PDB file of N, CA and C in Angstrom:
ATOM      1  N   MET A   1     -12.683  -8.172 -16.764  1.00  0.00           N
ATOM      2  CA  MET A   1     -12.419  -6.863 -15.853  1.00  0.00           C
ATOM      3  C   MET A   1     -11.214  -7.126 -14.991  1.00  0.00           C
ATOM      4  N   LYS A   2     -10.446  -6.284 -15.178  1.00  0.00           N
ATOM      5  CA  LYS A   2      -8.855  -6.259 -14.407  1.00  0.00           C
ATOM      6  C   LYS A   2      -9.231  -5.724 -12.994  1.00  0.00           C
ATOM      7  N   ASP A   3      -8.227  -6.728 -12.231  1.00  0.00           N
ATOM      8  CA  ASP A   3      -8.442  -6.506 -10.585  1.00  0.00           C
ATOM      9  C   ASP A   3      -7.568  -5.213 -10.264  1.00  0.00           C
ATOM     10  N   LEU A   4      -8.025  -4.796  -8.837  1.00  0.00           N
ATOM     11  CA  LEU A   4      -7.045  -3.609  -8.202  1.00  0.00           C
ATOM     12  C   LEU A   4      -5.698  -4.005  -8.120  1.00  0.00           C
ATOM     13  N   ASN A   5      -4.408  -4.368  -8.760  1.00  0.00           N
ATOM     14  CA  ASN A   5      -3.508  -5.061  -8.788  1.00  0.00           C
ATOM     15  C   ASN A   5      -2.383  -3.657  -8.682  1.00  0.00           C
ATOM     16  N   PHE A   6      -1.311  -4.206  -7.483  1.00  0.00           N
ATOM     17  CA  PHE A   6      -0.257  -3.354  -7.417  1.00  0.00           C
ATOM     18  C   PHE A   6       0.407  -3.138  -9.097  1.00  0.00           C
ATOM     19  N   HIS A   7       0.838  -1.692  -9.029  1.00  0.00           N
ATOM     20  CA  HIS A   7       1.482  -1.577 -10.587  1.00  0.00           C
ATOM     21  C   HIS A   7       2.827  -1.142 -10.384  1.00  0.00           C
ATOM     22  N   THR A   8       2.759  -0.318  -9.485  1.00  0.00           N
ATOM     23  CA  THR A   8       4.357   0.651  -9.121  1.00  0.00           C
ATOM     24  C   THR A   8       4.500   1.088  -7.645  1.00  0.00           C
ATOM     25  N   VAL A   9       5.691   1.417  -7.415  1.00  0.00           N
ATOM     26  CA  VAL A   9       5.984   2.325  -6.421  1.00  0.00           C
ATOM     27  C   VAL A   9       7.385   3.246  -6.356  1.00  0.00           C
ATOM     28  N   ASP A  10       6.729   4.447  -6.101  1.00  0.00           N
ATOM     29  CA  ASP A  10       8.059   5.222  -6.102  1.00  0.00           C
ATOM     30  C   ASP A  10       8.279   5.844  -4.593  1.00  0.00           C
ATOM     31  N   TYR A  11       9.596   5.886  -4.304  1.00  0.00           N
ATOM     32  CA  TYR A  11       9.951   6.795  -3.197  1.00  0.00           C
ATOM     33  C   TYR A  11      10.358   7.917  -3.359  1.00  0.00           C
ATOM     34  N   LYS A  12       9.723   8.434  -2.206  1.00  0.00           N
ATOM     35  CA  LYS A  12      10.283  10.270  -2.148  1.00  0.00           C
ATOM     36  C   LYS A  12      10.129  10.599  -1.034  1.00  0.00           C
ATOM     37  N   LYS A  13      11.429  10.939  -0.597  1.00  0.00           N
ATOM     38  CA  LYS A  13      12.036  11.415   0.975  1.00  0.00           C
ATOM     39  C   LYS A  13      11.414   9.918   1.722  1.00  0.00           C
ATOM     40  N   ASN A  14      10.468  10.352   2.504  1.00  0.00           N
ATOM     41  CA  ASN A  14      10.000   9.349   3.856  1.00  0.00           C
ATOM     42  C   ASN A  14       8.756   8.504   3.312  1.00  0.00           C
ATOM     43  N   LYS A  15       8.259   8.476   1.958  1.00  0.00           N
ATOM     44  CA  LYS A  15       7.100   7.807   1.968  1.00  0.00           C
ATOM     45  C   LYS A  15       7.098   7.109   0.743  1.00  0.00           C
ATOM     46  N   ALA A  16       6.192   6.236   0.470  1.00  0.00           N
ATOM     47  CA  ALA A  16       6.063   5.202  -0.585  1.00  0.00           C
ATOM     48  C   ALA A  16       4.764   5.620  -1.288  1.00  0.00           C
ATOM     49  N   ILE A  17       4.687   6.132  -2.555  1.00  0.00           N
ATOM     50  CA  ILE A  17       3.851   6.481  -3.282  1.00  0.00           C
ATOM     51  C   ILE A  17       3.381   5.241  -4.100  1.00  0.00           C
ATOM     52  N   ILE A  18       2.393   4.615  -4.155  1.00  0.00           N
ATOM     53  CA  ILE A  18       2.085   3.363  -4.824  1.00  0.00           C
ATOM     54  C   ILE A  18       1.206   3.528  -5.656  1.00  0.00           C
ATOM     55  N   SER A  19       1.186   3.050  -6.679  1.00  0.00           N
ATOM     56  CA  SER A  19      -0.168   3.328  -7.965  1.00  0.00           C
ATOM     57  C   SER A  19      -0.245   1.600  -8.115  1.00  0.00           C
ATOM     58  N   PHE A  20      -1.715   1.379  -8.631  1.00  0.00           N
ATOM     59  CA  PHE A  20      -2.450   0.319  -8.801  1.00  0.00           C
ATOM     60  C   PHE A  20      -3.095   0.147 -10.146  1.00  0.00           C
ATOM     61  N   ASP A  21      -3.172  -0.925 -10.953  1.00  0.00           N
ATOM     62  CA  ASP A  21      -4.444  -0.799 -12.135  1.00  0.00           C
ATOM     63  C   ASP A  21      -5.137  -0.675 -11.787  1.00  0.00           C
ATOM     64  N   MET A  22      -6.399  -0.046 -12.122  1.00  0.00           N
ATOM     65  CA  MET A  22      -7.782  -0.126 -11.957  1.00  0.00           C
ATOM     66  C   MET A  22      -8.053   0.867 -10.780  1.00  0.00           C
ATOM     67  N   ALA A  23      -7.119   1.752 -10.788  1.00  0.00           N
ATOM     68  CA  ALA A  23      -7.599   2.723  -9.436  1.00  0.00           C
ATOM     69  C   ALA A  23      -8.526   3.555  -9.063  1.00  0.00           C
ATOM     70  N   ASP A  24      -9.200   3.781 -10.133  1.00  0.00           N
ATOM     71  CA  ASP A  24     -10.589   4.458  -9.951  1.00  0.00           C
ATOM     72  C   ASP A  24     -11.434   4.480  -8.871  1.00  0.00           C
ATOM     73  N   GLY A  25     -11.290   5.727  -8.003  1.00  0.00           N
ATOM     74  CA  GLY A  25     -12.575   5.631  -6.509  1.00  0.00           C
ATOM     75  C   GLY A  25     -11.517   4.609  -5.842  1.00  0.00           C
ATOM     76  N   LEU A  26     -10.217   4.931  -5.314  1.00  0.00           N
ATOM     77  CA  LEU A  26      -9.711   4.423  -4.262  1.00  0.00           C
ATOM     78  C   LEU A  26     -10.299   4.517  -3.105  1.00  0.00           C
ATOM     79  N   GLN A  27     -10.785   3.784  -2.157  1.00  0.00           N
ATOM     80  CA  GLN A  27     -11.217   3.976  -1.010  1.00  0.00           C
ATOM     81  C   GLN A  27     -11.120   2.799  -0.077  1.00  0.00           C
ATOM     82  N   PHE A  28     -10.267   2.944   1.509  1.00  0.00           N
ATOM     83  CA  PHE A  28     -10.722   2.147   2.574  1.00  0.00           C
ATOM     84  C   PHE A  28     -11.880   2.083   2.913  1.00  0.00           C
ATOM     85  N   ILE A  29     -12.175   0.572   3.352  1.00  0.00           N
ATOM     86  CA  ILE A  29     -13.621   0.013   3.674  1.00  0.00           C
ATOM     87  C   ILE A  29     -13.421   0.419   5.522  1.00  0.00           C
ATOM     88  N   ASN A  30     -12.255   0.266   6.244  1.00  0.00           N
ATOM     89  CA  ASN A  30     -12.004  -0.041   7.618  1.00  0.00           C
ATOM     90  C   ASN A  30     -10.657   0.908   7.652  1.00  0.00           C
ATOM     91  N   LYS A  31     -10.576   0.954   9.204  1.00  0.00           N
ATOM     92  CA  LYS A  31      -9.466   1.809   9.224  1.00  0.00           C
ATOM     93  C   LYS A  31      -7.949   1.014   9.486  1.00  0.00           C
ATOM     94  N   GLU A  32      -8.060  -0.359   9.115  1.00  0.00           N
ATOM     95  CA  GLU A  32      -7.234  -1.179   9.737  1.00  0.00           C
ATOM     96  C   GLU A  32      -5.863  -0.588   8.680  1.00  0.00           C
ATOM     97  N   ASN A  33      -4.924  -1.200   9.507  1.00  0.00           N
ATOM     98  CA  ASN A  33      -3.647  -0.508   8.994  1.00  0.00           C
ATOM     99  C   ASN A  33      -2.969  -1.913   8.292  1.00  0.00           C
ATOM    100  N   LEU A  34      -2.692  -2.101   7.081  1.00  0.00           N
ATOM    101  CA  LEU A  34      -2.402  -3.116   6.073  1.00  0.00           C
ATOM    102  C   LEU A  34      -0.766  -3.005   5.357  1.00  0.00           C
ATOM    103  N   PHE A  35      -0.612  -1.429   5.603  1.00  0.00           N
ATOM    104  CA  PHE A  35       0.635  -1.476   4.716  1.00  0.00           C
ATOM    105  C   PHE A  35       2.097  -1.292   5.859  1.00  0.00           C
ATOM    106  N   GLU A  36       2.939  -1.766   5.324  1.00  0.00           N
ATOM    107  CA  GLU A  36       4.077  -1.659   6.098  1.00  0.00           C
ATOM    108  C   GLU A  36       5.359  -1.320   5.006  1.00  0.00           C
ATOM    109  N   LEU A  37       6.054  -0.646   5.818  1.00  0.00           N
ATOM    110  CA  LEU A  37       7.841  -0.236   4.995  1.00  0.00           C
ATOM    111  C   LEU A  37       8.730  -0.571   5.534  1.00  0.00           C
ATOM    112  N   ALA A  38       9.900  -0.787   4.899  1.00  0.00           N
ATOM    113  CA  ALA A  38      11.114  -1.339   5.394  1.00  0.00           C
ATOM    114  C   ALA A  38      12.168  -0.298   4.609  1.00  0.00           C
ATOM    115  N   GLY A  39      13.399  -0.474   5.232  1.00  0.00           N
ATOM    116  CA  GLY A  39      14.673   0.147   4.581  1.00  0.00           C
ATOM    117  C   GLY A  39      15.531  -0.604   3.955  1.00  0.00           C
ATOM    118  N   GLU A  40      16.734  -0.293   4.228  1.00  0.00           N
ATOM    119  CA  GLU A  40      17.573  -1.291   3.233  1.00  0.00           C
ATOM    120  C   GLU A  40      17.671  -2.747   4.115  1.00  0.00           C
ATOM    121  N   ASP A  41      17.359  -2.315   5.457  1.00  0.00           N
ATOM    122  CA  ASP A  41      17.861  -3.544   6.349  1.00  0.00           C
ATOM    123  C   ASP A  41      16.671  -4.831   6.332  1.00  0.00           C
ATOM    124  N   ARG A  42      15.435  -4.434   5.387  1.00  0.00           N
ATOM    125  CA  ARG A  42      14.489  -5.589   5.106  1.00  0.00           C
ATOM    126  C   ARG A  42      13.534  -5.251   6.454  1.00  0.00           C
ATOM    127  N   ILE A  43      13.350  -4.984   7.440  1.00  0.00           N
ATOM    128  CA  ILE A  43      12.586  -4.832   8.735  1.00  0.00           C
ATOM    129  C   ILE A  43      11.642  -4.072   8.222  1.00  0.00           C
ATOM    130  N   PHE A  44      10.390  -4.497   8.389  1.00  0.00           N
ATOM    131  CA  PHE A  44       9.044  -4.011   8.209  1.00  0.00           C
ATOM    132  C   PHE A  44       8.437  -3.791   9.456  1.00  0.00           C
ATOM    133  N   TYR A  45       8.178  -2.068   9.275  1.00  0.00           N
ATOM    134  CA  TYR A  45       6.988  -1.193  10.246  1.00  0.00           C
ATOM    135  C   TYR A  45       5.612  -1.244   9.835  1.00  0.00           C
ATOM    136  N   PRO A  46       4.743  -1.068  10.607  1.00  0.00           N
ATOM    137  CA  PRO A  46       3.510  -0.492  10.347  1.00  0.00           C
ATOM    138  C   PRO A  46       3.609   0.658   9.749  1.00  0.00           C
ATOM    139  N   GLY A  47       2.913   1.034   8.387  1.00  0.00           N
ATOM    140  CA  GLY A  47       3.122   2.494   7.717  1.00  0.00           C
ATOM    141  C   GLY A  47       1.495   3.015   8.062  1.00  0.00           C
ATOM    142  N   LYS A  48       1.313   4.508   7.914  1.00  0.00           N
ATOM    143  CA  LYS A  48       0.175   5.094   8.004  1.00  0.00           C
ATOM    144  C   LYS A  48       0.124   5.493   6.610  1.00  0.00           C
ATOM    145  N   ALA A  49      -1.384   4.989   5.795  1.00  0.00           N
ATOM    146  CA  ALA A  49      -1.225   4.887   4.801  1.00  0.00           C
ATOM    147  C   ALA A  49      -2.745   6.153   4.270  1.00  0.00           C
ATOM    148  N   LYS A  50      -2.709   6.833   3.319  1.00  0.00           N
ATOM    149  CA  LYS A  50      -3.676   7.863   2.958  1.00  0.00           C
ATOM    150  C   LYS A  50      -3.703   7.719   1.368  1.00  0.00           C
ATOM    151  N   ILE A  51      -5.090   7.987   0.765  1.00  0.00           N
ATOM    152  CA  ILE A  51      -5.228   7.668  -0.718  1.00  0.00           C
ATOM    153  C   ILE A  51      -5.093   9.626  -0.993  1.00  0.00           C
ATOM    154  N   LYS A  52      -4.580   9.655  -2.399  1.00  0.00           N
ATOM    155  CA  LYS A  52      -4.590  11.000  -2.736  1.00  0.00           C
ATOM    156  C   LYS A  52      -4.441  10.813  -4.214  1.00  0.00           C
ATOM    157  N   GLY A  53      -5.790  10.844  -4.399  1.00  0.00           N
ATOM    158  CA  GLY A  53      -6.474  10.743  -5.524  1.00  0.00           C
ATOM    159  C   GLY A  53      -6.272   9.185  -6.293  1.00  0.00           C
ATOM    160  N   ASN A  54      -5.750   8.750  -7.155  1.00  0.00           N
ATOM    161  CA  ASN A  54      -5.111   7.143  -7.536  1.00  0.00           C
ATOM    162  C   ASN A  54      -4.362   6.617  -7.326  1.00  0.00           C
ATOM    163  N   VAL A  55      -3.624   7.035  -5.839  1.00  0.00           N
ATOM    164  CA  VAL A  55      -2.163   6.786  -5.418  1.00  0.00           C
ATOM    165  C   VAL A  55      -2.570   6.691  -4.053  1.00  0.00           C
ATOM    166  N   VAL A  56      -1.563   5.721  -3.143  1.00  0.00           N
ATOM    167  CA  VAL A  56      -2.003   5.364  -1.667  1.00  0.00           C
ATOM    168  C   VAL A  56      -0.490   6.066  -1.473  1.00  0.00           C
ATOM    169  N   GLU A  57      -0.335   6.955  -0.386  1.00  0.00           N
ATOM    170  CA  GLU A  57       0.880   7.344   0.220  1.00  0.00           C
ATOM    171  C   GLU A  57       1.017   6.713   1.362  1.00  0.00           C
ATOM    172  N   VAL A  58       2.470   6.284   1.779  1.00  0.00           N
ATOM    173  CA  VAL A  58       2.556   5.589   2.660  1.00  0.00           C
ATOM    174  C   VAL A  58       3.628   6.008   3.921  1.00  0.00           C
ATOM    175  N   ILE A  59       3.344   6.703   5.325  1.00  0.00           N
ATOM    176  CA  ILE A  59       4.936   6.791   5.761  1.00  0.00           C
ATOM    177  C   ILE A  59       5.045   5.698   6.738  1.00  0.00           C
ATOM    178  N   SER A  60       6.072   5.817   7.410  1.00  0.00           N
ATOM    179  CA  SER A  60       6.341   5.320   8.755  1.00  0.00           C
ATOM    180  C   SER A  60       7.082   5.826   9.780  1.00  0.00           C
ATOM    181  N   GLU A  61       6.741   6.594  10.927  1.00  0.00           N
ATOM    182  CA  GLU A  61       7.859   7.179  11.881  1.00  0.00           C
ATOM    183  C   GLU A  61       9.299   6.169  11.947  1.00  0.00           C
ATOM    184  N   LYS A  62       8.969   5.119  11.779  1.00  0.00           N
ATOM    185  CA  LYS A  62      10.301   4.025  12.208  1.00  0.00           C
ATOM    186  C   LYS A  62      11.380   4.043  10.572  1.00  0.00           C
ATOM    187  N   VAL A  63      10.615   4.519   9.513  1.00  0.00           N
ATOM    188  CA  VAL A  63      11.501   4.253   8.311  1.00  0.00           C
ATOM    189  C   VAL A  63      11.843   5.383   7.802  1.00  0.00           C
ATOM    190  N   ASN A  64      13.047   5.904   8.043  1.00  0.00           N
ATOM    191  CA  ASN A  64      13.407   7.428   7.281  1.00  0.00           C
ATOM    192  C   ASN A  64      12.999   7.060   5.850  1.00  0.00           C
ATOM    193  N   ASN A  65      14.149   6.255   5.324  1.00  0.00           N
ATOM    194  CA  ASN A  65      14.372   6.079   3.613  1.00  0.00           C
ATOM    195  C   ASN A  65      13.867   4.623   3.562  1.00  0.00           C
ATOM    196  N   PRO A  66      12.723   4.725   3.105  1.00  0.00           N
ATOM    197  CA  PRO A  66      11.910   3.281   2.740  1.00  0.00           C
ATOM    198  C   PRO A  66      12.461   2.975   1.450  1.00  0.00           C
ATOM    199  N   VAL A  67      12.483   1.659   1.345  1.00  0.00           N
ATOM    200  CA  VAL A  67      13.293   0.857   0.220  1.00  0.00           C
ATOM    201  C   VAL A  67      11.902  -0.044  -0.555  1.00  0.00           C
ATOM    202  N   TYR A  68      11.077  -0.588   0.504  1.00  0.00           N
ATOM    203  CA  TYR A  68      10.398  -1.810   0.468  1.00  0.00           C
ATOM    204  C   TYR A  68       8.842  -1.422   0.882  1.00  0.00           C
ATOM    205  N   VAL A  69       7.790  -1.896   0.113  1.00  0.00           N
ATOM    206  CA  VAL A  69       6.562  -1.487   1.003  1.00  0.00           C
ATOM    207  C   VAL A  69       5.786  -3.015   0.710  1.00  0.00           C
ATOM    208  N   ARG A  70       5.096  -3.360   1.332  1.00  0.00           N
ATOM    209  CA  ARG A  70       4.183  -4.323   1.302  1.00  0.00           C
ATOM    210  C   ARG A  70       2.276  -4.099   1.878  1.00  0.00           C
ATOM    211  N   PHE A  71       1.701  -5.005   1.424  1.00  0.00           N
ATOM    212  CA  PHE A  71       0.061  -4.662   1.787  1.00  0.00           C
ATOM    213  C   PHE A  71      -0.451  -5.950   2.126  1.00  0.00           C
ATOM    214  N   ALA A  72      -1.217  -6.093   3.451  1.00  0.00           N
ATOM    215  CA  ALA A  72      -2.084  -7.329   3.445  1.00  0.00           C
ATOM    216  C   ALA A  72      -1.106  -8.224   3.588  1.00  0.00           C
ATOM    217  N   TRP A  73      -0.057  -8.509   4.098  1.00  0.00           N
ATOM    218  CA  TRP A  73       0.863  -9.322   3.768  1.00  0.00           C
ATOM    219  C   TRP A  73       0.769 -10.910   4.672  1.00  0.00           C
ATOM    220  N   GLY A  74       0.244 -10.454   5.854  1.00  0.00           N
ATOM    221  CA  GLY A  74      -0.230 -11.754   6.947  1.00  0.00           C
ATOM    222  C   GLY A  74      -1.314 -12.430   6.359  1.00  0.00           C
ATOM    223  N   ASN A  75      -0.483 -13.702   7.305  1.00  0.00           N
ATOM    224  CA  ASN A  75      -1.772 -15.023   6.710  1.00  0.00           C
ATOM    225  C   ASN A  75      -2.940 -14.679   6.735  1.00  0.00           C
ATOM    226  N   THR A  76      -3.711 -13.991   7.599  1.00  0.00           N
ATOM    227  CA  THR A  76      -4.978 -13.775   7.593  1.00  0.00           C
ATOM    228  C   THR A  76      -5.609 -12.200   7.481  1.00  0.00           C
ATOM    229  N   SER A  77      -4.866 -11.535   6.584  1.00  0.00           N
ATOM    230  CA  SER A  77      -5.028 -10.745   6.204  1.00  0.00           C
ATOM    231  C   SER A  77      -5.977 -10.173   4.934  1.00  0.00           C
ATOM    232  N   LEU A  78      -7.401  -9.572   5.078  1.00  0.00           N
ATOM    233  CA  LEU A  78      -8.120  -9.321   4.091  1.00  0.00           C
ATOM    234  C   LEU A  78      -8.096  -7.950   3.657  1.00  0.00           C
ATOM    235  N   SER A  79      -7.968  -7.553   2.439  1.00  0.00           N
ATOM    236  CA  SER A  79      -7.763  -6.279   2.034  1.00  0.00           C
ATOM    237  C   SER A  79      -8.871  -5.477   2.286  1.00  0.00           C
ATOM    238  N   ASN A  80      -8.629  -4.408   2.555  1.00  0.00           N
ATOM    239  CA  ASN A  80      -9.424  -3.350   2.986  1.00  0.00           C
ATOM    240  C   ASN A  80      -9.481  -1.851   1.873  1.00  0.00           C
ATOM    241  N   LEU A  81      -8.651  -2.109   0.645  1.00  0.00           N
ATOM    242  CA  LEU A  81      -8.749  -1.346   0.132  1.00  0.00           C
ATOM    243  C   LEU A  81      -9.109  -1.608  -1.278  1.00  0.00           C
ATOM    244  N   PHE A  82     -10.093  -0.936  -1.883  1.00  0.00           N
ATOM    245  CA  PHE A  82     -11.382  -1.118  -2.580  1.00  0.00           C
ATOM    246  C   PHE A  82     -11.153  -0.103  -3.868  1.00  0.00           C
ATOM    247  N   ASN A  83     -11.555  -0.516  -5.539  1.00  0.00           N
ATOM    248  CA  ASN A  83     -11.704   0.532  -6.127  1.00  0.00           C
ATOM    249  C   ASN A  83     -13.348   0.750  -6.357  1.00  0.00           C
ATOM    250  N   ILE A  84     -13.585   1.736  -7.278  1.00  0.00           N
ATOM    251  CA  ILE A  84     -15.137   2.307  -7.384  1.00  0.00           C
ATOM    252  C   ILE A  84     -15.954   0.910  -8.479  1.00  0.00           C
ATOM    253  N   ALA A  85     -15.255  -0.039  -8.700  1.00  0.00           N
ATOM    254  CA  ALA A  85     -15.839  -1.396  -9.279  1.00  0.00           C
ATOM    255  C   ALA A  85     -15.971  -2.569  -8.212  1.00  0.00           C
ATOM    256  N   ASN A  86     -15.735  -1.832  -6.545  1.00  0.00           N
ATOM    257  CA  ASN A  86     -15.626  -2.518  -5.386  1.00  0.00           C
ATOM    258  C   ASN A  86     -14.760  -3.698  -5.639  1.00  0.00           C
ATOM    259  N   LEU A  87     -13.790  -3.686  -6.506  1.00  0.00           N
ATOM    260  CA  LEU A  87     -12.706  -4.833  -6.580  1.00  0.00           C
ATOM    261  C   LEU A  87     -11.665  -4.553  -5.785  1.00  0.00           C
ATOM    262  N   PRO A  88     -10.990  -5.904  -4.566  1.00  0.00           N
ATOM    263  CA  PRO A  88     -10.217  -5.410  -3.362  1.00  0.00           C
ATOM    264  C   PRO A  88      -8.845  -5.641  -4.309  1.00  0.00           C
ATOM    265  N   ALA A  89      -8.026  -4.602  -3.505  1.00  0.00           N
ATOM    266  CA  ALA A  89      -6.541  -4.831  -4.178  1.00  0.00           C
ATOM    267  C   ALA A  89      -6.154  -5.704  -3.174  1.00  0.00           C
ATOM    268  N   SER A  90      -5.148  -6.770  -3.987  1.00  0.00           N
ATOM    269  CA  SER A  90      -4.343  -7.988  -4.325  1.00  0.00           C
ATOM    270  C   SER A  90      -3.214  -7.460  -3.077  1.00  0.00           C
ATOM    271  N   SER A  91      -3.084  -8.506  -2.198  1.00  0.00           N
ATOM    272  CA  SER A  91      -1.770  -8.675  -1.518  1.00  0.00           C
ATOM    273  C   SER A  91      -0.510  -8.417  -2.091  1.00  0.00           C
ATOM    274  N   PHE A  92       0.661  -7.987  -1.540  1.00  0.00           N
ATOM    275  CA  PHE A  92       1.896  -7.412  -2.526  1.00  0.00           C
ATOM    276  C   PHE A  92       2.842  -7.089  -1.965  1.00  0.00           C
ATOM    277  N   THR A  93       3.884  -7.309  -2.268  1.00  0.00           N
ATOM    278  CA  THR A  93       5.212  -6.823  -1.766  1.00  0.00           C
ATOM    279  C   THR A  93       6.309  -6.389  -2.600  1.00  0.00           C
ATOM    280  N   SER A  94       6.988  -5.611  -2.461  1.00  0.00           N
ATOM    281  CA  SER A  94       7.876  -4.734  -3.675  1.00  0.00           C
ATOM    282  C   SER A  94       9.036  -5.274  -3.741  1.00  0.00           C
ATOM    283  N   GLU A  95       9.583  -6.372  -2.634  1.00  0.00           N
ATOM    284  CA  GLU A  95      10.697  -6.961  -2.472  1.00  0.00           C
ATOM    285  C   GLU A  95      11.015  -7.769  -3.927  1.00  0.00           C
TER     286      GLU A  95
END
């Protein structure tokens, strides 16, 4: 079985739209914020994430034009994003 891995990211206006492999039934198991966004300066700020169908949309009030996104990037971060098969999303960065 294939894992819930980062596939692509598209940037539209002030948000990152992230797709994953095996994304059916995406759900957060808690409200911990594990997504971060950065602009050209590569300074990452916490983002607010919401699931829309089979993608995750992330915005940050501190990043008007996001260029990079990362998820669960801290040393002790545990994924809180799972698919219908209860597989967790892997940590990733788009850098």
